PDB file of N, CA and C in Angstrom:
ATOM      1  N   MET A   1    -192.362 172.875 116.500  1.00  0.00           N
ATOM      2  CA  MET A   1    -190.934 172.771 116.289  1.00  0.00           C
ATOM      3  C   MET A   1    -190.584 173.358 114.932  1.00  0.00           C
ATOM      4  N   ALA A   2    -189.438 173.928 114.832  1.00  0.00           N
ATOM      5  CA  ALA A   2    -189.006 174.535 113.576  1.00  0.00           C
ATOM      6  C   ALA A   2    -188.640 173.465 112.557  1.00  0.00           C
ATOM      7  N   ILE A   3    -188.556 173.893 111.337  1.00  0.00           N
ATOM      8  CA  ILE A   3    -188.172 172.982 110.261  1.00  0.00           C
ATOM      9  C   ILE A   3    -186.668 172.737 110.346  1.00  0.00           C
ATOM     10  N   ILE A   4    -186.277 171.479 110.291  1.00  0.00           N
ATOM     11  CA  ILE A   4    -184.869 171.084 110.355  1.00  0.00           C
ATOM     12  C   ILE A   4    -184.408 170.724 108.947  1.00  0.00           C
ATOM     13  N   GLN A   5    -183.219 171.207 108.560  1.00  0.00           N
ATOM     14  CA  GLN A   5    -182.718 170.948 107.213  1.00  0.00           C
ATOM     15  C   GLN A   5    -181.336 170.306 107.265  1.00  0.00           C
ATOM     16  N   ALA A   6    -181.045 169.581 106.200  1.00  0.00           N
ATOM     17  CA  ALA A   6    -179.699 169.058 105.966  1.00  0.00           C
ATOM     18  C   ALA A   6    -179.468 169.096 104.463  1.00  0.00           C
ATOM     19  N   SER A   7    -178.219 169.289 104.072  1.00  0.00           N
ATOM     20  CA  SER A   7    -177.951 169.373 102.641  1.00  0.00           C
ATOM     21  C   SER A   7    -176.591 168.772 102.313  1.00  0.00           C
ATOM     22  N   HIS A   8    -176.476 168.362 101.088  1.00  0.00           N
ATOM     23  CA  HIS A   8    -175.200 167.918 100.524  1.00  0.00           C
ATOM     24  C   HIS A   8    -175.025 168.713  99.244  1.00  0.00           C
ATOM     25  N   ARG A   9    -174.146 169.681  99.311  1.00  0.00           N
ATOM     26  CA  ARG A   9    -173.921 170.521  98.145  1.00  0.00           C
ATOM     27  C   ARG A   9    -172.748 169.967  97.341  1.00  0.00           C
ATOM     28  N   TYR A  10    -172.802 170.188  96.052  1.00  0.00           N
ATOM     29  CA  TYR A  10    -171.761 169.759  95.119  1.00  0.00           C
ATOM     30  C   TYR A  10    -171.576 168.241  95.133  1.00  0.00           C
ATOM     31  N   ALA A  11    -172.675 167.519  95.186  1.00  0.00           N
ATOM     32  CA  ALA A  11    -172.606 166.057  95.095  1.00  0.00           C
ATOM     33  C   ALA A  11    -172.272 165.699  93.653  1.00  0.00           C
ATOM     34  N   ARG A  12    -171.313 164.850  93.457  1.00  0.00           N
ATOM     35  CA  ARG A  12    -170.826 164.540  92.112  1.00  0.00           C
ATOM     36  C   ARG A  12    -171.708 163.463  91.461  1.00  0.00           C
ATOM     37  N   ILE A  13    -172.959 163.857  91.175  1.00  0.00           N
ATOM     38  CA  ILE A  13    -173.922 162.989  90.518  1.00  0.00           C
ATOM     39  C   ILE A  13    -174.920 163.893  89.809  1.00  0.00           C
ATOM     40  N   SER A  14    -175.477 163.414  88.731  1.00  0.00           N
ATOM     41  CA  SER A  14    -176.464 164.195  88.004  1.00  0.00           C
ATOM     42  C   SER A  14    -177.754 164.292  88.818  1.00  0.00           C
ATOM     43  N   PRO A  15    -178.391 165.460  88.872  1.00  0.00           N
ATOM     44  CA  PRO A  15    -179.595 165.611  89.695  1.00  0.00           C
ATOM     45  C   PRO A  15    -180.751 164.719  89.256  1.00  0.00           C
ATOM     46  N   THR A  16    -180.845 164.405  87.982  1.00  0.00           N
ATOM     47  CA  THR A  16    -181.952 163.572  87.518  1.00  0.00           C
ATOM     48  C   THR A  16    -181.877 162.158  88.081  1.00  0.00           C
ATOM     49  N   LYS A  17    -180.680 161.727  88.444  1.00  0.00           N
ATOM     50  CA  LYS A  17    -180.526 160.382  89.006  1.00  0.00           C
ATOM     51  C   LYS A  17    -180.956 160.318  90.467  1.00  0.00           C
ATOM     52  N   VAL A  18    -181.045 161.473  91.134  1.00  0.00           N
ATOM     53  CA  VAL A  18    -181.410 161.499  92.548  1.00  0.00           C
ATOM     54  C   VAL A  18    -182.868 161.925  92.733  1.00  0.00           C
ATOM     55  N   ARG A  19    -183.393 162.720  91.791  1.00  0.00           N
ATOM     56  CA  ARG A  19    -184.755 163.253  91.925  1.00  0.00           C
ATOM     57  C   ARG A  19    -185.805 162.158  92.023  1.00  0.00           C
ATOM     58  N   VAL A  20    -185.581 161.038  91.373  1.00  0.00           N
ATOM     59  CA  VAL A  20    -186.532 159.923  91.423  1.00  0.00           C
ATOM     60  C   VAL A  20    -186.749 159.474  92.859  1.00  0.00           C
ATOM     61  N   PHE A  21    -185.682 159.382  93.614  1.00  0.00           N
ATOM     62  CA  PHE A  21    -185.770 158.911  94.990  1.00  0.00           C
ATOM     63  C   PHE A  21    -186.257 160.016  95.924  1.00  0.00           C
ATOM     64  N   ALA A  22    -185.999 161.265  95.571  1.00  0.00           N
ATOM     65  CA  ALA A  22    -186.503 162.375  96.383  1.00  0.00           C
ATOM     66  C   ALA A  22    -188.027 162.438  96.316  1.00  0.00           C
ATOM     67  N   THR A  23    -188.591 162.209  95.143  1.00  0.00           N
ATOM     68  CA  THR A  23    -190.050 162.194  95.035  1.00  0.00           C
ATOM     69  C   THR A  23    -190.641 160.959  95.710  1.00  0.00           C
ATOM     70  N   LEU A  24    -189.866 159.889  95.786  1.00  0.00           N
ATOM     71  CA  LEU A  24    -190.336 158.669  96.446  1.00  0.00           C
ATOM     72  C   LEU A  24    -190.527 158.891  97.948  1.00  0.00           C
ATOM     73  N   VAL A  25    -189.597 159.561  98.599  1.00  0.00           N
ATOM     74  CA  VAL A  25    -189.650 159.686 100.057  1.00  0.00           C
ATOM     75  C   VAL A  25    -190.361 160.949 100.533  1.00  0.00           C
ATOM     76  N   ARG A  26    -190.647 161.891  99.648  1.00  0.00           N
ATOM     77  CA  ARG A  26    -191.300 163.137 100.058  1.00  0.00           C
ATOM     78  C   ARG A  26    -192.681 162.837 100.640  1.00  0.00           C
ATOM     79  N   GLY A  27    -192.945 163.349 101.835  1.00  0.00           N
ATOM     80  CA  GLY A  27    -194.228 163.134 102.496  1.00  0.00           C
ATOM     81  C   GLY A  27    -194.233 161.963 103.469  1.00  0.00           C
ATOM     82  N   MET A  28    -193.235 161.117 103.431  1.00  0.00           N
ATOM     83  CA  MET A  28    -193.147 159.987 104.363  1.00  0.00           C
ATOM     84  C   MET A  28    -192.579 160.464 105.700  1.00  0.00           C
ATOM     85  N   THR A  29    -192.691 159.603 106.695  1.00  0.00           N
ATOM     86  CA  THR A  29    -191.964 159.888 107.929  1.00  0.00           C
ATOM     87  C   THR A  29    -190.488 159.575 107.680  1.00  0.00           C
ATOM     88  N   ALA A  30    -189.641 160.090 108.542  1.00  0.00           N
ATOM     89  CA  ALA A  30    -188.198 159.882 108.358  1.00  0.00           C
ATOM     90  C   ALA A  30    -187.846 158.402 108.461  1.00  0.00           C
ATOM     91  N   GLN A  31    -188.504 157.686 109.371  1.00  0.00           N
ATOM     92  CA  GLN A  31    -188.224 156.260 109.547  1.00  0.00           C
ATOM     93  C   GLN A  31    -188.621 155.469 108.293  1.00  0.00           C
ATOM     94  N   GLU A  32    -189.798 155.773 107.727  1.00  0.00           N
ATOM     95  CA  GLU A  32    -190.239 155.082 106.511  1.00  0.00           C
ATOM     96  C   GLU A  32    -189.305 155.392 105.341  1.00  0.00           C
ATOM     97  N   GLY A  33    -188.886 156.640 105.238  1.00  0.00           N
ATOM     98  CA  GLY A  33    -187.981 157.032 104.164  1.00  0.00           C
ATOM     99  C   GLY A  33    -186.648 156.318 104.240  1.00  0.00           C
ATOM    100  N   LEU A  34    -186.119 156.182 105.467  1.00  0.00           N
ATOM    101  CA  LEU A  34    -184.851 155.469 105.634  1.00  0.00           C
ATOM    102  C   LEU A  34    -184.994 153.999 105.274  1.00  0.00           C
ATOM    103  N   GLU A  35    -186.123 153.390 105.650  1.00  0.00           N
ATOM    104  CA  GLU A  35    -186.346 151.978 105.305  1.00  0.00           C
ATOM    105  C   GLU A  35    -186.483 151.788 103.803  1.00  0.00           C
ATOM    106  N   GLN A  36    -187.126 152.730 103.128  1.00  0.00           N
ATOM    107  CA  GLN A  36    -187.258 152.639 101.672  1.00  0.00           C
ATOM    108  C   GLN A  36    -185.890 152.744 100.999  1.00  0.00           C
ATOM    109  N   LEU A  37    -185.103 153.734 101.412  1.00  0.00           N
ATOM    110  CA  LEU A  37    -183.823 153.988 100.751  1.00  0.00           C
ATOM    111  C   LEU A  37    -182.768 152.941 101.088  1.00  0.00           C
ATOM    112  N   LYS A  38    -182.909 152.284 102.231  1.00  0.00           N
ATOM    113  CA  LYS A  38    -181.904 151.304 102.649  1.00  0.00           C
ATOM    114  C   LYS A  38    -181.803 150.139 101.677  1.00  0.00           C
ATOM    115  N   PHE A  39    -182.927 149.732 101.089  1.00  0.00           N
ATOM    116  CA  PHE A  39    -182.942 148.533 100.259  1.00  0.00           C
ATOM    117  C   PHE A  39    -182.895 148.833  98.762  1.00  0.00           C
ATOM    118  N   ILE A  40    -182.679 150.080  98.396  1.00  0.00           N
ATOM    119  CA  ILE A  40    -182.520 150.426  96.983  1.00  0.00           C
ATOM    120  C   ILE A  40    -181.031 150.465  96.680  1.00  0.00           C
ATOM    121  N   HIS A  41    -180.593 149.615  95.789  1.00  0.00           N
ATOM    122  CA  HIS A  41    -179.176 149.531  95.441  1.00  0.00           C
ATOM    123  C   HIS A  41    -178.892 150.481  94.291  1.00  0.00           C
ATOM    124  N   ASN A  42    -178.735 151.761  94.644  1.00  0.00           N
ATOM    125  CA  ASN A  42    -178.474 152.790  93.660  1.00  0.00           C
ATOM    126  C   ASN A  42    -177.639 153.872  94.332  1.00  0.00           C
ATOM    127  N   ARG A  43    -176.708 154.436  93.593  1.00  0.00           N
ATOM    128  CA  ARG A  43    -175.798 155.428  94.160  1.00  0.00           C
ATOM    129  C   ARG A  43    -176.547 156.691  94.596  1.00  0.00           C
ATOM    130  N   GLY A  44    -177.536 157.108  93.820  1.00  0.00           N
ATOM    131  CA  GLY A  44    -178.319 158.286  94.172  1.00  0.00           C
ATOM    132  C   GLY A  44    -179.129 158.072  95.435  1.00  0.00           C
ATOM    133  N   ALA A  45    -179.670 156.865  95.612  1.00  0.00           N
ATOM    134  CA  ALA A  45    -180.438 156.554  96.818  1.00  0.00           C
ATOM    135  C   ALA A  45    -179.537 156.562  98.045  1.00  0.00           C
ATOM    136  N   LYS A  46    -178.312 156.086  97.902  1.00  0.00           N
ATOM    137  CA  LYS A  46    -177.378 156.079  99.035  1.00  0.00           C
ATOM    138  C   LYS A  46    -177.004 157.508  99.445  1.00  0.00           C
ATOM    139  N   MET A  47    -176.817 158.396  98.467  1.00  0.00           N
ATOM    140  CA  MET A  47    -176.515 159.790  98.792  1.00  0.00           C
ATOM    141  C   MET A  47    -177.684 160.450  99.510  1.00  0.00           C
ATOM    142  N   LEU A  48    -178.900 160.178  99.033  1.00  0.00           N
ATOM    143  CA  LEU A  48    -180.087 160.747  99.660  1.00  0.00           C
ATOM    144  C   LEU A  48    -180.290 160.184 101.062  1.00  0.00           C
ATOM    145  N   GLU A  49    -179.956 158.917 101.258  1.00  0.00           N
ATOM    146  CA  GLU A  49    -180.070 158.300 102.580  1.00  0.00           C
ATOM    147  C   GLU A  49    -179.123 158.969 103.575  1.00  0.00           C
ATOM    148  N   LYS A  50    -177.910 159.283 103.139  1.00  0.00           N
ATOM    149  CA  LYS A  50    -176.956 159.939 104.027  1.00  0.00           C
ATOM    150  C   LYS A  50    -177.433 161.335 104.426  1.00  0.00           C
ATOM    151  N   VAL A  51    -178.040 162.061 103.486  1.00  0.00           N
ATOM    152  CA  VAL A  51    -178.547 163.390 103.805  1.00  0.00           C
ATOM    153  C   VAL A  51    -179.727 163.279 104.769  1.00  0.00           C
ATOM    154  N   LEU A  52    -180.576 162.272 104.579  1.00  0.00           N
ATOM    155  CA  LEU A  52    -181.717 162.067 105.476  1.00  0.00           C
ATOM    156  C   LEU A  52    -181.248 161.698 106.888  1.00  0.00           C
ATOM    157  N   LEU A  53    -180.234 160.860 106.988  1.00  0.00           N
ATOM    158  CA  LEU A  53    -179.666 160.534 108.301  1.00  0.00           C
ATOM    159  C   LEU A  53    -179.088 161.777 108.974  1.00  0.00           C
ATOM    160  N   SER A  54    -178.466 162.632 108.197  1.00  0.00           N
ATOM    161  CA  SER A  54    -177.922 163.872 108.738  1.00  0.00           C
ATOM    162  C   SER A  54    -179.034 164.787 109.236  1.00  0.00           C
ATOM    163  N   ALA A  55    -180.144 164.847 108.508  1.00  0.00           N
ATOM    164  CA  ALA A  55    -181.270 165.684 108.930  1.00  0.00           C
ATOM    165  C   ALA A  55    -181.884 165.161 110.226  1.00  0.00           C
ATOM    166  N   VAL A  56    -181.992 163.841 110.362  1.00  0.00           N
ATOM    167  CA  VAL A  56    -182.526 163.256 111.598  1.00  0.00           C
ATOM    168  C   VAL A  56    -181.578 163.551 112.763  1.00  0.00           C
ATOM    169  N   ALA A  57    -180.275 163.457 112.520  1.00  0.00           N
ATOM    170  CA  ALA A  57    -179.299 163.768 113.571  1.00  0.00           C
ATOM    171  C   ALA A  57    -179.368 165.243 113.959  1.00  0.00           C
ATOM    172  N   ASN A  58    -179.584 166.125 112.976  1.00  0.00           N
ATOM    173  CA  ASN A  58    -179.735 167.549 113.273  1.00  0.00           C
ATOM    174  C   ASN A  58    -180.974 167.795 114.131  1.00  0.00           C
ATOM    175  N   ALA A  59    -182.050 167.069 113.837  1.00  0.00           N
ATOM    176  CA  ALA A  59    -183.285 167.228 114.613  1.00  0.00           C
ATOM    177  C   ALA A  59    -183.093 166.746 116.047  1.00  0.00           C
ATOM    178  N   GLU A  60    -182.405 165.627 116.223  1.00  0.00           N
ATOM    179  CA  GLU A  60    -182.158 165.115 117.565  1.00  0.00           C
ATOM    180  C   GLU A  60    -181.248 166.058 118.342  1.00  0.00           C
ATOM    181  N   ASP A  61    -180.303 166.676 117.646  1.00  0.00           N
ATOM    182  CA  ASP A  61    -179.406 167.621 118.287  1.00  0.00           C
ATOM    183  C   ASP A  61    -180.150 168.868 118.756  1.00  0.00           C
ATOM    184  N   ARG A  62    -181.197 169.222 118.028  1.00  0.00           N
ATOM    185  CA  ARG A  62    -181.973 170.413 118.388  1.00  0.00           C
ATOM    186  C   ARG A  62    -183.123 170.109 119.333  1.00  0.00           C
ATOM    187  N   GLY A  63    -183.222 168.865 119.795  1.00  0.00           N
ATOM    188  CA  GLY A  63    -184.187 168.559 120.837  1.00  0.00           C
ATOM    189  C   GLY A  63    -185.478 167.925 120.377  1.00  0.00           C
ATOM    190  N   ALA A  64    -185.474 167.238 119.237  1.00  0.00           N
ATOM    191  CA  ALA A  64    -186.687 166.531 118.809  1.00  0.00           C
ATOM    192  C   ALA A  64    -186.914 165.349 119.748  1.00  0.00           C
ATOM    193  N   ARG A  65    -188.160 165.087 120.058  1.00  0.00           N
ATOM    194  CA  ARG A  65    -188.470 164.007 121.003  1.00  0.00           C
ATOM    195  C   ARG A  65    -188.204 162.642 120.395  1.00  0.00           C
ATOM    196  N   SER A  66    -188.671 162.459 119.163  1.00  0.00           N
ATOM    197  CA  SER A  66    -188.546 161.146 118.540  1.00  0.00           C
ATOM    198  C   SER A  66    -188.241 161.311 117.063  1.00  0.00           C
ATOM    199  N   GLY A  67    -187.313 160.518 116.573  1.00  0.00           N
ATOM    200  CA  GLY A  67    -187.009 160.545 115.151  1.00  0.00           C
ATOM    201  C   GLY A  67    -188.104 159.931 114.314  1.00  0.00           C
ATOM    202  N   ARG A  68    -188.942 159.112 114.937  1.00  0.00           N
ATOM    203  CA  ARG A  68    -190.016 158.456 114.201  1.00  0.00           C
ATOM    204  C   ARG A  68    -191.146 159.419 113.837  1.00  0.00           C
ATOM    205  N   ALA A  69    -191.314 160.481 114.618  1.00  0.00           N
ATOM    206  CA  ALA A  69    -192.419 161.407 114.382  1.00  0.00           C
ATOM    207  C   ALA A  69    -192.087 162.454 113.317  1.00  0.00           C
ATOM    208  N   LEU A  70    -190.844 162.550 112.903  1.00  0.00           N
ATOM    209  CA  LEU A  70    -190.450 163.557 111.925  1.00  0.00           C
ATOM    210  C   LEU A  70    -190.970 163.193 110.540  1.00  0.00           C
ATOM    211  N   VAL A  71    -191.454 164.207 109.824  1.00  0.00           N
ATOM    212  CA  VAL A  71    -192.005 164.006 108.485  1.00  0.00           C
ATOM    213  C   VAL A  71    -191.104 164.725 107.489  1.00  0.00           C
ATOM    214  N   ILE A  72    -190.837 164.084 106.365  1.00  0.00           N
ATOM    215  CA  ILE A  72    -190.038 164.701 105.302  1.00  0.00           C
ATOM    216  C   ILE A  72    -190.947 165.672 104.566  1.00  0.00           C
ATOM    217  N   SER A  73    -190.863 166.948 104.922  1.00  0.00           N
ATOM    218  CA  SER A  73    -191.753 167.937 104.332  1.00  0.00           C
ATOM    219  C   SER A  73    -191.284 168.370 102.950  1.00  0.00           C
ATOM    220  N   ASP A  74    -189.983 168.344 102.719  1.00  0.00           N
ATOM    221  CA  ASP A  74    -189.470 168.783 101.426  1.00  0.00           C
ATOM    222  C   ASP A  74    -188.177 168.047 101.121  1.00  0.00           C
ATOM    223  N   ALA A  75    -188.053 167.577  99.907  1.00  0.00           N
ATOM    224  CA  ALA A  75    -186.818 166.945  99.428  1.00  0.00           C
ATOM    225  C   ALA A  75    -186.547 167.491  98.038  1.00  0.00           C
ATOM    226  N   GLN A  76    -185.506 168.296  97.928  1.00  0.00           N
ATOM    227  CA  GLN A  76    -185.198 168.934  96.658  1.00  0.00           C
ATOM    228  C   GLN A  76    -183.819 168.531  96.179  1.00  0.00           C
ATOM    229  N   VAL A  77    -183.707 168.383  94.876  1.00  0.00           N
ATOM    230  CA  VAL A  77    -182.422 168.105  94.249  1.00  0.00           C
ATOM    231  C   VAL A  77    -182.271 169.110  93.116  1.00  0.00           C
ATOM    232  N   ASP A  78    -181.349 170.049  93.293  1.00  0.00           N
ATOM    233  CA  ASP A  78    -181.139 171.113  92.318  1.00  0.00           C
ATOM    234  C   ASP A  78    -179.834 170.896  91.571  1.00  0.00           C
ATOM    235  N   LEU A  79    -179.751 171.528  90.418  1.00  0.00           N
ATOM    236  CA  LEU A  79    -178.547 171.443  89.597  1.00  0.00           C
ATOM    237  C   LEU A  79    -177.487 172.381  90.133  1.00  0.00           C
ATOM    238  N   GLY A  80    -176.293 171.866  90.273  1.00  0.00           N
ATOM    239  CA  GLY A  80    -175.158 172.677  90.689  1.00  0.00           C
ATOM    240  C   GLY A  80    -174.348 173.094  89.468  1.00  0.00           C
ATOM    241  N   PRO A  81    -173.094 173.421  89.655  1.00  0.00           N
ATOM    242  CA  PRO A  81    -172.251 173.780  88.514  1.00  0.00           C
ATOM    243  C   PRO A  81    -171.915 172.559  87.668  1.00  0.00           C
ATOM    244  N   LYS A  82    -171.333 172.811  86.515  1.00  0.00           N
ATOM    245  CA  LYS A  82    -170.993 171.719  85.602  1.00  0.00           C
ATOM    246  C   LYS A  82    -169.522 171.814  85.216  1.00  0.00           C
ATOM    247  N   PHE A  83    -168.888 170.649  85.098  1.00  0.00           N
ATOM    248  CA  PHE A  83    -167.592 170.573  84.442  1.00  0.00           C
ATOM    249  C   PHE A  83    -167.875 170.429  82.961  1.00  0.00           C
ATOM    250  N   LYS A  84    -167.253 171.249  82.152  1.00  0.00           N
ATOM    251  CA  LYS A  84    -167.452 171.133  80.705  1.00  0.00           C
ATOM    252  C   LYS A  84    -166.174 170.595  80.083  1.00  0.00           C
ATOM    253  N   ARG A  85    -166.317 169.511  79.367  1.00  0.00           N
ATOM    254  CA  ARG A  85    -165.194 168.853  78.721  1.00  0.00           C
ATOM    255  C   ARG A  85    -165.484 168.708  77.231  1.00  0.00           C
ATOM    256  N   MET A  86    -164.440 168.524  76.459  1.00  0.00           N
ATOM    257  CA  MET A  86    -164.587 168.348  75.015  1.00  0.00           C
ATOM    258  C   MET A  86    -164.210 166.916  74.639  1.00  0.00           C
ATOM    259  N   ARG A  87    -164.959 166.364  73.708  1.00  0.00           N
ATOM    260  CA  ARG A  87    -164.683 165.025  73.214  1.00  0.00           C
ATOM    261  C   ARG A  87    -164.454 165.120  71.704  1.00  0.00           C
ATOM    262  N   PRO A  88    -163.309 164.659  71.223  1.00  0.00           N
ATOM    263  CA  PRO A  88    -163.053 164.748  69.782  1.00  0.00           C
ATOM    264  C   PRO A  88    -163.972 163.829  68.985  1.00  0.00           C
ATOM    265  N   ARG A  89    -164.464 164.342  67.866  1.00  0.00           N
ATOM    266  CA  ARG A  89    -165.325 163.575  66.973  1.00  0.00           C
ATOM    267  C   ARG A  89    -164.691 163.584  65.581  1.00  0.00           C
ATOM    268  N   GLY A  90    -165.366 163.005  64.658  1.00  0.00           N
ATOM    269  CA  GLY A  90    -164.829 162.902  63.315  1.00  0.00           C
ATOM    270  C   GLY A  90    -164.782 164.243  62.596  1.00  0.00           C
ATOM    271  N   ARG A  91    -163.921 164.324  61.590  1.00  0.00           N
ATOM    272  CA  ARG A  91    -163.743 165.492  60.726  1.00  0.00           C
ATOM    273  C   ARG A  91    -163.323 166.745  61.489  1.00  0.00           C
ATOM    274  N   GLY A  92    -162.610 166.567  62.592  1.00  0.00           N
ATOM    275  CA  GLY A  92    -162.082 167.705  63.319  1.00  0.00           C
ATOM    276  C   GLY A  92    -163.088 168.416  64.209  1.00  0.00           C
ATOM    277  N   ARG A  93    -164.259 167.856  64.368  1.00  0.00           N
ATOM    278  CA  ARG A  93    -165.272 168.482  65.229  1.00  0.00           C
ATOM    279  C   ARG A  93    -165.068 168.056  66.675  1.00  0.00           C
ATOM    280  N   ALA A  94    -165.834 168.674  67.554  1.00  0.00           N
ATOM    281  CA  ALA A  94    -165.761 168.322  68.973  1.00  0.00           C
ATOM    282  C   ALA A  94    -167.155 168.417  69.578  1.00  0.00           C
ATOM    283  N   ASP A  95    -167.465 167.493  70.477  1.00  0.00           N
ATOM    284  CA  ASP A  95    -168.714 167.520  71.223  1.00  0.00           C
ATOM    285  C   ASP A  95    -168.399 167.906  72.664  1.00  0.00           C
ATOM    286  N   THR A  96    -169.355 168.583  73.295  1.00  0.00           N
ATOM    287  CA  THR A  96    -169.152 168.940  74.697  1.00  0.00           C
ATOM    288  C   THR A  96    -169.778 167.875  75.589  1.00  0.00           C
ATOM    289  N   ILE A  97    -169.089 167.590  76.687  1.00  0.00           N
ATOM    290  CA  ILE A  97    -169.595 166.687  77.707  1.00  0.00           C
ATOM    291  C   ILE A  97    -169.766 167.516  78.968  1.00  0.00           C
ATOM    292  N   GLU A  98    -170.944 167.443  79.578  1.00  0.00           N
ATOM    293  CA  GLU A  98    -171.207 168.169  80.817  1.00  0.00           C
ATOM    294  C   GLU A  98    -171.253 167.185  81.974  1.00  0.00           C
ATOM    295  N   LYS A  99    -170.341 167.341  82.906  1.00  0.00           N
ATOM    296  CA  LYS A  99    -170.328 166.515  84.108  1.00  0.00           C
ATOM    297  C   LYS A  99    -171.007 167.334  85.201  1.00  0.00           C
ATOM    298  N   LYS A 100    -172.196 166.903  85.591  1.00  0.00           N
ATOM    299  CA  LYS A 100    -173.054 167.720  86.438  1.00  0.00           C
ATOM    300  C   LYS A 100    -172.867 167.434  87.921  1.00  0.00           C
ATOM    301  N   PHE A 101    -173.173 168.448  88.721  1.00  0.00           N
ATOM    302  CA  PHE A 101    -173.184 168.356  90.173  1.00  0.00           C
ATOM    303  C   PHE A 101    -174.612 168.571  90.652  1.00  0.00           C
ATOM    304  N   ALA A 102    -174.916 168.074  91.847  1.00  0.00           N
ATOM    305  CA  ALA A 102    -176.251 168.225  92.408  1.00  0.00           C
ATOM    306  C   ALA A 102    -176.152 168.823  93.806  1.00  0.00           C
ATOM    307  N   HIS A 103    -177.178 169.609  94.152  1.00  0.00           N
ATOM    308  CA  HIS A 103    -177.349 170.104  95.512  1.00  0.00           C
ATOM    309  C   HIS A 103    -178.566 169.382  96.080  1.00  0.00           C
ATOM    310  N   ILE A 104    -178.344 168.498  97.061  1.00  0.00           N
ATOM    311  CA  ILE A 104    -179.424 167.712  97.662  1.00  0.00           C
ATOM    312  C   ILE A 104    -179.805 168.358  98.992  1.00  0.00           C
ATOM    313  N   ARG A 105    -181.113 168.642  99.174  1.00  0.00           N
ATOM    314  CA  ARG A 105    -181.573 169.298 100.401  1.00  0.00           C
ATOM    315  C   ARG A 105    -182.833 168.607 100.905  1.00  0.00           C
ATOM    316  N   ILE A 106    -182.862 168.299 102.193  1.00  0.00           N
ATOM    317  CA  ILE A 106    -184.015 167.651 102.820  1.00  0.00           C
ATOM    318  C   ILE A 106    -184.457 168.491 104.015  1.00  0.00           C
ATOM    319  N   SER A 107    -185.767 168.697 104.125  1.00  0.00           N
ATOM    320  CA  SER A 107    -186.353 169.412 105.256  1.00  0.00           C
ATOM    321  C   SER A 107    -187.269 168.487 106.021  1.00  0.00           C
ATOM    322  N   LEU A 108    -187.113 168.470 107.334  1.00  0.00           N
ATOM    323  CA  LEU A 108    -187.956 167.656 108.210  1.00  0.00           C
ATOM    324  C   LEU A 108    -188.830 168.574 109.048  1.00  0.00           C
ATOM    325  N   ASP A 109    -190.036 168.121 109.327  1.00  0.00           N
ATOM    326  CA  ASP A 109    -190.953 168.870 110.163  1.00  0.00           C
ATOM    327  C   ASP A 109    -191.608 167.911 111.143  1.00  0.00           C
ATOM    328  N   ALA A 110    -191.782 168.356 112.374  1.00  0.00           N
ATOM    329  CA  ALA A 110    -192.427 167.543 113.390  1.00  0.00           C
ATOM    330  C   ALA A 110    -193.872 168.019 113.538  1.00  0.00           C
ATOM    331  N   PRO A 111    -194.836 167.132 113.382  1.00  0.00           N
ATOM    332  CA  PRO A 111    -196.218 167.556 113.569  1.00  0.00           C
ATOM    333  C   PRO A 111    -196.474 167.915 115.032  1.00  0.00           C
ATOM    334  N   GLU A 112    -197.377 168.856 115.220  1.00  0.00           N
ATOM    335  CA  GLU A 112    -197.693 169.308 116.577  1.00  0.00           C
ATOM    336  C   GLU A 112    -198.431 168.229 117.349  1.00  0.00           C
ATOM    337  N   VAL A 113    -197.990 167.967 118.570  1.00  0.00           N
ATOM    338  CA  VAL A 113    -198.633 166.959 119.421  1.00  0.00           C
ATOM    339  C   VAL A 113    -199.651 167.678 120.307  1.00  0.00           C
ATOM    340  N   PRO A 114    -200.934 167.242 120.279  1.00  0.00           N
ATOM    341  CA  PRO A 114    -201.943 167.938 121.107  1.00  0.00           C
ATOM    342  C   PRO A 114    -201.787 167.639 122.579  1.00  0.00           C
TER     343      PRO A 114
END
C-alpha cells in the first residue's frame, strides 16, 4: 500500500511545542499513537492528534483494511512563516517578537501482509 499523508499547514503554534509529541508517536501504530495523545493535556498534542485522525481517515478512504495495522512512518513538524511584532522597551529601544507558525505532517504506512 502507498504511503498515506495528512497535514495541517499554518498551525498557530510554535513548532518546538509540537515536536516533542511527534517524536513520541513516531514508529508506533496509529492506534497506539492515538491512545498516547488522547491523554496528554497539551495544545500541541491535541493538534497532532487531529492530524493523525485525519491521516487514518485518509487511509480508510483509500481502502486500508484496518486502521490498527497502520504504522506512523514519519511525523514532521516544520517551521512556517512568522508574524513579526515590535515591543517597546526602555530608552526608546524596541525588541522584536516572533509569533511562529508550524506545518505538521504525518505519514502512515501499512506493513505488507504475507
